[in-house]
């Protein structure tokens, strides 16, 4: 019944045309605010998915690392126990060490990551080799796959076996000799096999090579590694697998999920999304002010109707709910149209790539869009709150109107 009154008030002619204009301005403001929120959040979802997929290329679903220090020891018993855990698809032993890489006069600092033959089963890195091939060589004849940023700094063609690059790594157990700092380093030549391109953070930082070769350089024992990266079978419960691994490895080792390996990144992305949401919600705050003006003028316009309703026995609460319903009606029309407009814009972007990304260095050439139901629910809740707050004051004023007994 309240919405029936609200609908009649919305459609009826007003004595002052400004009331209609302000009402429609508030509706348009809600349309713009709603559509903007959903479109921008959908684009953000698209970028977030893209970034996560790129990070998923390099970081596995689970990783076992030492709780303290840089090295873990994997015993045959632990390895055998891992094979009995349901849900593990494959695992790869890895080792990382910071190294100075030189190609003639060109040099750079990078992370040399040694991986075993199982690495291609736990990551999709092989798919991102842009030149050359995914070939890590052997312990005796190691090969390196450079990030394209490292390749560029060293000024070489990584797919051509012309001259090797020289890797300098800290010698294990060697102290610092001020007179001869190079005595604390061990050097080895590595031929390059190709270059990968994922995204800038990895491309400028990492070089993949043979695990046994890197272990030999660092003089590690056969059972010593930097970590174990695991891929899970489809449908596997990550928490169950993690719990099983904790029983095998105990408190001396830490089981990291993909989120925990990139906790800083995911936290920043979530924070950015909330900041975007808060900033764009200011458009709805503007709509609230226009709605307050529209409803206040409507209350003044409908004073005779309010008097009649009160004479017929309508309570102040009933009067107040009628004008609150009017606010919800204005916001509801705006939100409904805004959501349809947002869906249309997102569909058009997905279908026709209306907005392109400038430059040719991106993984994609258009703004990605991913429509998610929680965004619609969040925006709907925001519109409801804004509509209630905007209509409460005018509705309270209407309810407080005194009957004219004269």
Protein backbone atom coordinates (compact mmCIF):
# COMPACT_ATOMS: atom_id res chain seq x y z
CA UNK A 1 0.00 0.00 0.00
CA UNK A 2 2.83 2.41 0.87
CA UNK A 3 4.48 1.79 -2.50
CA UNK A 4 1.12 2.38 -4.21
CA UNK A 5 0.96 5.84 -2.66
CA UNK A 6 4.61 6.41 -3.57
CA UNK A 7 4.01 5.39 -7.19
CA UNK A 8 1.00 7.71 -7.49
CA UNK A 9 3.02 10.59 -6.05
CA UNK A 10 5.85 9.83 -8.47
CA UNK A 11 3.56 9.84 -11.54
CA UNK A 12 1.27 12.68 -10.52
CA UNK A 13 1.69 16.19 -11.86
CA UNK A 14 3.23 18.63 -9.43
CA UNK A 15 2.27 22.25 -9.02
CA UNK A 16 5.92 23.19 -9.39
CA UNK A 17 7.80 21.65 -12.32
CA UNK A 18 11.08 21.88 -10.36
CA UNK A 19 9.92 18.97 -8.16
CA UNK A 20 9.72 16.69 -11.21
CA UNK A 21 13.07 17.88 -12.49
CA UNK A 22 14.84 17.33 -9.16
CA UNK A 23 13.22 13.90 -8.81
CA UNK A 24 14.52 12.84 -12.22
CA UNK A 25 17.94 14.35 -11.49
CA UNK A 26 18.14 12.14 -8.38
CA UNK A 27 17.10 9.09 -10.44
CA UNK A 28 19.75 9.87 -13.08
CA UNK A 29 22.37 10.34 -10.35
CA UNK A 30 21.54 6.89 -8.95
CA UNK A 31 21.69 5.41 -12.48
CA UNK A 32 25.15 6.91 -13.06
CA UNK A 33 26.40 5.90 -9.61
CA UNK A 34 25.11 2.34 -9.85
CA UNK A 35 26.37 1.78 -13.39
CA UNK A 36 29.77 3.32 -12.58
CA UNK A 37 30.24 1.17 -9.50
CA UNK A 38 29.38 -2.09 -11.24
CA UNK A 39 31.37 -1.35 -14.42
CA UNK A 40 34.51 -0.26 -12.57
CA UNK A 41 34.29 -3.15 -10.09
CA UNK A 42 33.81 -5.57 -13.00
CA UNK A 43 36.89 -4.18 -14.76
CA UNK A 44 38.81 -4.46 -11.50
CA UNK A 45 37.63 -8.09 -11.19
CA UNK A 46 38.94 -8.70 -14.70
CA UNK A 47 42.37 -7.27 -13.90
CA UNK A 48 42.45 -9.14 -10.58
CA UNK A 49 41.73 -12.43 -12.36
CA UNK A 50 44.39 -11.66 -14.94
CA UNK A 51 47.03 -10.87 -12.30
CA UNK A 52 46.13 -13.97 -10.29
CA UNK A 53 46.39 -16.16 -13.40
CA UNK A 54 49.82 -14.72 -14.18
CA UNK A 55 51.00 -15.30 -10.62
CA UNK A 56 49.52 -18.81 -10.73
CA UNK A 57 51.86 -19.48 -13.65
CA UNK A 58 54.87 -19.02 -11.39
CA UNK A 59 53.55 -19.86 -7.92
CA UNK A 60 52.12 -23.30 -7.24
CA UNK A 61 49.05 -24.09 -5.16
CA UNK A 62 51.18 -25.22 -2.21
CA UNK A 63 54.82 -24.81 -1.29
CA UNK A 64 56.85 -26.38 1.51
CA UNK A 65 59.59 -24.13 2.91
CA UNK A 66 61.76 -24.26 6.03
CA UNK A 67 60.29 -22.39 9.01
CA UNK A 68 63.76 -20.94 9.61
CA UNK A 69 66.73 -20.58 7.28
CA UNK A 70 66.89 -21.16 3.54
CA UNK A 71 67.28 -24.93 3.21
CA UNK A 72 65.14 -27.96 3.98
CA UNK A 73 66.09 -31.62 4.08
CA UNK A 74 63.84 -34.14 2.36
CA UNK A 75 64.28 -37.68 3.63
CA UNK A 76 63.27 -40.80 1.61
CA UNK A 77 60.63 -41.52 4.28
CA UNK A 78 59.06 -38.09 3.87
CA UNK A 79 59.10 -38.40 0.10
CA UNK A 80 57.43 -41.82 0.30
CA UNK A 81 54.79 -40.46 2.70
CA UNK A 82 54.00 -37.64 0.25
CA UNK A 83 53.14 -40.15 -2.47
CA UNK A 84 50.40 -41.52 -0.21
CA UNK A 85 48.56 -38.20 0.13
CA UNK A 86 45.41 -38.03 -1.95
CA UNK A 87 45.04 -34.83 -3.94
CA UNK A 88 48.69 -34.22 -4.84
CA UNK A 89 49.14 -34.23 -8.60
CA UNK A 90 52.92 -33.67 -8.68
CA UNK A 91 55.72 -31.91 -6.84
CA UNK A 92 58.99 -30.32 -7.81
CA UNK A 93 62.12 -29.66 -5.75
CA UNK A 94 63.43 -26.14 -6.17
CA UNK A 95 66.25 -23.91 -5.00
CA UNK A 96 66.71 -20.15 -5.32
CA UNK A 97 69.85 -18.06 -4.91
CA UNK A 98 70.64 -14.47 -5.79
CA UNK A 99 73.36 -14.25 -8.42
CA UNK A 100 75.33 -11.71 -10.41
CA UNK A 101 74.97 -12.45 -14.12
CA UNK A 102 77.44 -11.06 -16.65
CA UNK A 103 77.50 -11.01 -20.42
CA UNK A 104 80.65 -9.18 -21.43
CA UNK A 105 80.35 -5.70 -19.95
CA UNK A 106 76.61 -6.03 -19.27
CA UNK A 107 75.61 -7.33 -15.86
CA UNK A 108 72.58 -7.59 -13.57
CA UNK A 109 71.46 -9.10 -10.29
CA UNK A 110 68.84 -11.83 -10.63
CA UNK A 111 67.45 -14.82 -8.78
CA UNK A 112 68.80 -18.08 -10.17
CA UNK A 113 66.08 -20.68 -9.62
CA UNK A 114 67.08 -24.32 -9.97
CA UNK A 115 64.21 -26.69 -10.76
CA UNK A 116 64.00 -30.42 -11.45
CA UNK A 117 62.37 -32.34 -14.31
CA UNK A 118 58.96 -32.30 -12.56
CA UNK A 119 58.73 -28.51 -12.71
CA UNK A 120 56.69 -28.48 -15.92
CA UNK A 121 54.08 -30.67 -14.19
CA UNK A 122 53.49 -28.24 -11.34
CA UNK A 123 53.58 -24.97 -13.33
CA UNK A 124 52.73 -23.80 -16.85
CA UNK A 125 56.03 -21.94 -17.24
CA UNK A 126 56.90 -23.86 -20.42
CA UNK A 127 53.91 -22.22 -22.15
CA UNK A 128 55.34 -18.75 -21.52
CA UNK A 129 58.71 -19.31 -23.20
CA UNK A 130 58.57 -16.70 -25.97
CA UNK A 131 61.88 -17.48 -27.72
CA UNK A 132 63.91 -20.66 -27.70
CA UNK A 133 62.69 -23.68 -25.78
CA UNK A 134 62.21 -24.89 -22.21
CA UNK A 135 65.49 -26.76 -21.82
CA UNK A 136 67.33 -26.69 -18.48
CA UNK A 137 70.13 -28.97 -19.60
CA UNK A 138 71.95 -31.28 -17.18
CA UNK A 139 74.26 -30.92 -14.20
CA UNK A 140 77.29 -31.14 -16.50
CA UNK A 141 75.83 -29.00 -19.31
CA UNK A 142 73.34 -26.62 -17.66
CA UNK A 143 71.16 -24.22 -19.59
CA UNK A 144 69.29 -21.14 -18.47
CA UNK A 145 65.93 -19.69 -19.38
CA UNK A 146 65.94 -15.95 -18.75
CA UNK A 147 63.13 -13.58 -18.01
CA UNK A 148 62.81 -11.24 -20.98
CA UNK A 149 63.76 -8.30 -18.73
CA UNK A 150 66.99 -10.02 -17.69
CA UNK A 151 67.64 -10.92 -21.32
CA UNK A 152 67.23 -7.28 -22.34
CA UNK A 153 69.58 -5.95 -19.64
CA UNK A 154 72.27 -8.50 -20.56
CA UNK A 155 71.88 -7.56 -24.22
CA UNK A 156 71.79 -11.03 -25.75
CA UNK A 157 69.67 -13.35 -27.87
CA UNK A 158 68.85 -16.14 -25.45
CA UNK A 159 67.79 -18.59 -28.17
CA UNK A 160 71.19 -18.47 -29.87
CA UNK A 161 74.07 -20.47 -28.44
CA UNK A 162 76.85 -17.98 -29.13
CA UNK A 163 78.62 -17.26 -25.86
CA UNK A 164 77.63 -18.32 -22.32
CA UNK A 165 76.72 -15.92 -19.55
CA UNK A 166 78.72 -16.07 -16.32
CA UNK A 167 76.90 -16.54 -13.01
CA UNK A 168 78.57 -15.44 -9.77
CA UNK A 169 77.11 -16.91 -6.57
CA UNK A 170 78.17 -16.70 -2.91
CA UNK A 171 80.48 -19.56 -1.95
CA UNK A 172 78.96 -21.57 0.87
CA UNK A 173 80.88 -21.18 4.12
CA UNK A 174 83.28 -18.62 2.70
CA UNK A 175 83.93 -15.52 4.77
CA UNK A 176 84.30 -12.00 3.37
CA UNK A 177 87.84 -11.13 2.36
CA UNK A 178 88.12 -7.36 2.10
CA UNK A 179 91.39 -7.65 0.18
CA UNK A 180 89.83 -10.02 -2.36
CA UNK A 181 86.00 -9.89 -2.30
CA UNK A 182 85.76 -12.16 -5.37
CA UNK A 183 87.22 -15.03 -3.35
CA UNK A 184 83.85 -15.31 -1.58
CA UNK A 185 82.12 -15.97 -4.91
CA UNK A 186 82.00 -18.97 -7.19
CA UNK A 187 81.61 -18.45 -10.95
CA UNK A 188 80.25 -20.73 -13.63
CA UNK A 189 79.33 -20.33 -17.28
CA UNK A 190 75.79 -21.16 -18.46
CA UNK A 191 74.49 -21.27 -22.01
CA UNK A 192 71.01 -19.84 -22.53
CA UNK A 193 68.14 -21.83 -24.04
CA UNK A 194 65.37 -19.24 -24.27
CA UNK A 195 63.43 -16.51 -22.54
CA UNK A 196 60.05 -16.41 -20.82
CA UNK A 197 57.57 -13.55 -20.47
CA UNK A 198 54.93 -13.62 -17.75
CA UNK A 199 54.84 -10.18 -16.23
CA UNK A 200 57.40 -7.57 -15.29
CA UNK A 201 57.99 -8.69 -11.70
CA UNK A 202 59.15 -12.14 -12.83
CA UNK A 203 60.61 -11.14 -16.19
CA UNK A 204 63.08 -8.73 -14.57
CA UNK A 205 63.96 -10.94 -11.64
CA UNK A 206 64.23 -14.65 -12.42
CA UNK A 207 66.40 -17.05 -14.40
CA UNK A 208 65.53 -20.77 -14.43
CA UNK A 209 68.25 -23.39 -14.56
CA UNK A 210 69.04 -27.00 -13.71
CA UNK A 211 68.54 -27.88 -10.04
CA UNK A 212 71.47 -30.32 -9.76
CA UNK A 213 73.79 -27.79 -11.35
CA UNK A 214 72.79 -25.09 -8.86
CA UNK A 215 73.09 -27.47 -5.93
CA UNK A 216 76.57 -28.42 -7.07
CA UNK A 217 77.59 -24.77 -7.25
CA UNK A 218 76.37 -24.18 -3.71
CA UNK A 219 77.92 -27.43 -2.48
CA UNK A 220 74.64 -28.77 -1.03
CA UNK A 221 74.00 -32.29 0.19
CA UNK A 222 71.83 -34.59 -1.99
CA UNK A 223 68.84 -34.23 0.38
CA UNK A 224 69.05 -30.41 0.71
CA UNK A 225 66.69 -28.13 -1.23
CA UNK A 226 65.25 -24.66 -1.00
CA UNK A 227 61.64 -25.80 -1.10
CA UNK A 228 59.09 -28.17 -2.61
CA UNK A 229 56.39 -26.82 -4.91
CA UNK A 230 53.21 -28.86 -5.29
CA UNK A 231 50.37 -28.98 -7.78
CA UNK A 232 47.03 -30.40 -6.63
CA UNK A 233 44.71 -32.68 -8.55
CA UNK A 234 41.43 -31.22 -9.77
CA UNK A 235 38.87 -31.13 -6.97
CA UNK A 236 41.46 -31.73 -4.23
CA UNK A 237 40.84 -30.09 -0.85
CA UNK A 238 43.76 -27.74 -0.25
CA UNK A 239 43.22 -27.64 3.51
CA UNK A 240 43.19 -31.44 3.79
CA UNK A 241 46.38 -31.77 1.75
CA UNK A 242 48.05 -29.04 3.83
CA UNK A 243 47.06 -30.79 7.05
CA UNK A 244 48.49 -34.10 5.79
CA UNK A 245 51.75 -32.40 4.83
CA UNK A 246 52.05 -30.79 8.27
CA UNK A 247 51.85 -34.24 9.86
CA UNK A 248 54.73 -35.42 7.66
CA UNK A 249 57.00 -32.38 7.96
CA UNK A 250 56.16 -31.11 11.44
CA UNK A 251 56.77 -27.63 12.83
CA UNK A 252 60.21 -27.27 11.27
CA UNK A 253 58.59 -26.60 7.91
CA UNK A 254 55.85 -24.23 6.73
CA UNK A 255 53.14 -25.12 4.21
CA UNK A 256 52.27 -22.03 2.17
CA UNK A 257 49.18 -21.68 0.00
CA UNK A 258 49.29 -19.63 -3.19
CA UNK A 259 47.61 -16.80 -1.28
CA UNK A 260 50.23 -16.93 1.49
CA UNK A 261 53.06 -16.91 -1.06
CA UNK A 262 51.61 -13.64 -2.41
CA UNK A 263 49.84 -12.28 0.65
CA UNK A 264 51.09 -8.75 0.09
CA UNK A 265 49.79 -8.67 -3.47
CA UNK A 266 46.33 -10.03 -2.63
CA UNK A 267 45.99 -7.68 0.36
CA UNK A 268 46.84 -4.68 -1.82
CA UNK A 269 44.35 -5.75 -4.50
CA UNK A 270 41.56 -6.10 -1.92
CA UNK A 271 42.43 -2.71 -0.43
CA UNK A 272 42.40 -1.10 -3.88
CA UNK A 273 38.98 -2.58 -4.59
CA UNK A 274 37.53 -1.15 -1.38
CA UNK A 275 39.09 2.26 -2.06
CA UNK A 276 37.55 2.28 -5.55
CA UNK A 277 34.19 1.28 -4.07
CA UNK A 278 34.29 4.07 -1.47
CA UNK A 279 35.31 6.73 -4.00
CA UNK A 280 32.63 5.78 -6.52
CA UNK A 281 30.02 5.61 -3.75
CA UNK A 282 30.41 9.39 -3.50
CA UNK A 283 28.32 9.60 -6.68
CA UNK A 284 25.49 7.98 -4.74
CA UNK A 285 26.03 10.49 -1.93
CA UNK A 286 25.41 13.26 -4.49
CA UNK A 287 22.26 11.41 -5.52
CA UNK A 288 21.22 11.35 -1.85
CA UNK A 289 21.36 15.15 -1.62
CA UNK A 290 19.21 15.59 -4.73
CA UNK A 291 16.81 12.97 -3.35
CA UNK A 292 16.52 14.87 -0.06
CA UNK A 293 15.66 18.03 -2.00
CA UNK A 294 13.11 16.23 -4.15
CA UNK A 295 11.37 14.54 -1.21
CA UNK A 296 11.38 17.71 0.91
CA UNK A 297 9.62 19.59 -1.88
CA UNK A 298 7.22 16.69 -2.35
CA UNK A 299 6.33 16.80 1.36
CA UNK A 300 5.50 20.51 1.03
CA UNK A 301 3.51 19.77 -2.14
CA UNK A 302 1.43 17.02 -0.50
CA UNK A 303 0.53 18.78 2.75
CA UNK A 304 -3.21 18.55 1.97
CA UNK A 305 -2.89 14.80 1.25
CA UNK A 306 -1.06 14.33 4.55
CA UNK A 307 -3.88 16.18 6.37
CA UNK A 308 -6.52 13.99 4.71
CA UNK A 309 -4.65 10.77 5.56
CA UNK A 310 -4.27 11.82 9.18
CA UNK A 311 -7.97 12.76 9.33
CA UNK A 312 -8.76 9.26 8.08
CA UNK A 313 -6.75 7.80 10.97
CA UNK A 314 -3.31 7.27 9.41
CA UNK A 315 -0.60 7.25 12.04
CA UNK A 316 2.60 9.32 11.88
CA UNK A 317 4.51 6.09 11.28
CA UNK A 318 2.32 5.32 8.26
CA UNK A 319 2.90 8.79 6.81
CA UNK A 320 6.64 8.41 7.38
CA UNK A 321 6.74 5.01 5.69
CA UNK A 322 4.94 6.39 2.62
CA UNK A 323 7.64 8.98 1.99
CA UNK A 324 10.42 6.53 2.81
CA UNK A 325 8.83 4.27 0.16
CA UNK A 326 8.96 7.22 -2.23
CA UNK A 327 12.73 7.43 -1.63
CA UNK A 328 13.13 3.70 -2.19
CA UNK A 329 11.10 4.01 -5.39
CA UNK A 330 13.35 6.74 -6.79
CA UNK A 331 16.47 4.78 -5.81
CA UNK A 332 15.02 1.49 -7.06
CA UNK A 333 14.25 2.88 -10.52
CA UNK A 334 17.74 4.38 -10.72
CA UNK A 335 19.45 1.23 -9.45
CA UNK A 336 17.48 -1.06 -11.80
CA UNK A 337 18.24 1.02 -14.88
CA UNK A 338 21.85 1.48 -13.75
CA UNK A 339 22.39 -2.26 -13.37
CA UNK A 340 20.91 -2.96 -16.80
CA UNK A 341 23.12 -0.24 -18.28
CA UNK A 342 26.18 -1.71 -16.54
CA UNK A 343 25.38 -5.19 -17.86
CA UNK A 344 25.03 -3.76 -21.38
CA UNK A 345 28.37 -1.90 -21.14
CA UNK A 346 30.19 -4.95 -19.75
CA UNK A 347 28.70 -7.23 -22.40
CA UNK A 348 29.68 -4.78 -25.16
CA UNK A 349 33.24 -4.58 -23.78
CA UNK A 350 33.54 -8.37 -23.70
CA UNK A 351 32.00 -8.77 -27.15
CA UNK A 352 33.40 -5.83 -29.09
CA UNK A 353 36.40 -4.64 -27.00
CA UNK A 354 35.17 -1.05 -27.01
CA UNK A 355 37.99 0.25 -24.81
CA UNK A 356 41.49 -0.84 -25.83
CA UNK A 357 44.70 -0.85 -23.80
CA UNK A 358 47.24 1.51 -25.38
CA UNK A 359 50.64 0.10 -26.26
CA UNK A 360 51.62 -3.38 -27.33
CA UNK A 361 53.40 -4.52 -24.18
CA UNK A 362 50.36 -5.85 -22.34
CA UNK A 363 49.32 -9.49 -22.05
CA UNK A 364 45.88 -8.46 -23.36
CA UNK A 365 44.86 -5.65 -25.70
CA UNK A 366 41.58 -4.60 -24.06
CA UNK A 367 40.24 -3.86 -20.60
CA UNK A 368 39.18 -7.19 -19.08
CA UNK A 369 35.71 -7.44 -17.55
CA UNK A 370 34.33 -10.01 -15.13
CA UNK A 371 30.76 -9.61 -13.85
CA UNK A 372 30.25 -10.97 -10.33
CA UNK A 373 27.00 -11.34 -8.37
CA UNK A 374 28.54 -10.12 -5.06
CA UNK A 375 29.22 -6.75 -6.70
CA UNK A 376 25.53 -6.39 -7.59
CA UNK A 377 24.53 -7.33 -4.05
CA UNK A 378 27.03 -4.86 -2.58
CA UNK A 379 25.84 -2.02 -4.82
CA UNK A 380 22.19 -2.88 -4.11
CA UNK A 381 22.84 -2.75 -0.37
CA UNK A 382 24.62 0.59 -0.79
CA UNK A 383 21.71 2.04 -2.76
CA UNK A 384 19.22 0.82 -0.12
CA UNK A 385 21.22 2.43 2.70
CA UNK A 386 21.63 5.70 0.76
CA UNK A 387 17.90 5.75 -0.13
CA UNK A 388 16.87 5.20 3.49
CA UNK A 389 19.19 7.88 4.85
CA UNK A 390 18.13 10.36 2.15
CA UNK A 391 14.38 9.79 2.66
CA UNK A 392 14.36 9.53 6.46
CA UNK A 393 14.62 13.27 7.17
CA UNK A 394 11.88 14.42 4.72
CA UNK A 395 9.68 11.49 5.81
CA UNK A 396 10.14 12.43 9.46
CA UNK A 397 9.16 16.00 8.60
CA UNK A 398 6.03 14.74 6.84
CA UNK A 399 5.08 12.56 9.82
CA UNK A 400 5.55 15.51 12.20
CA UNK A 401 3.07 17.69 10.27
CA UNK A 402 0.24 18.79 12.56
CA UNK A 403 -3.39 18.45 11.55
CA UNK A 404 -5.08 21.70 10.65
CA UNK A 405 -8.19 21.54 12.87
CA UNK A 406 -9.45 24.83 11.59
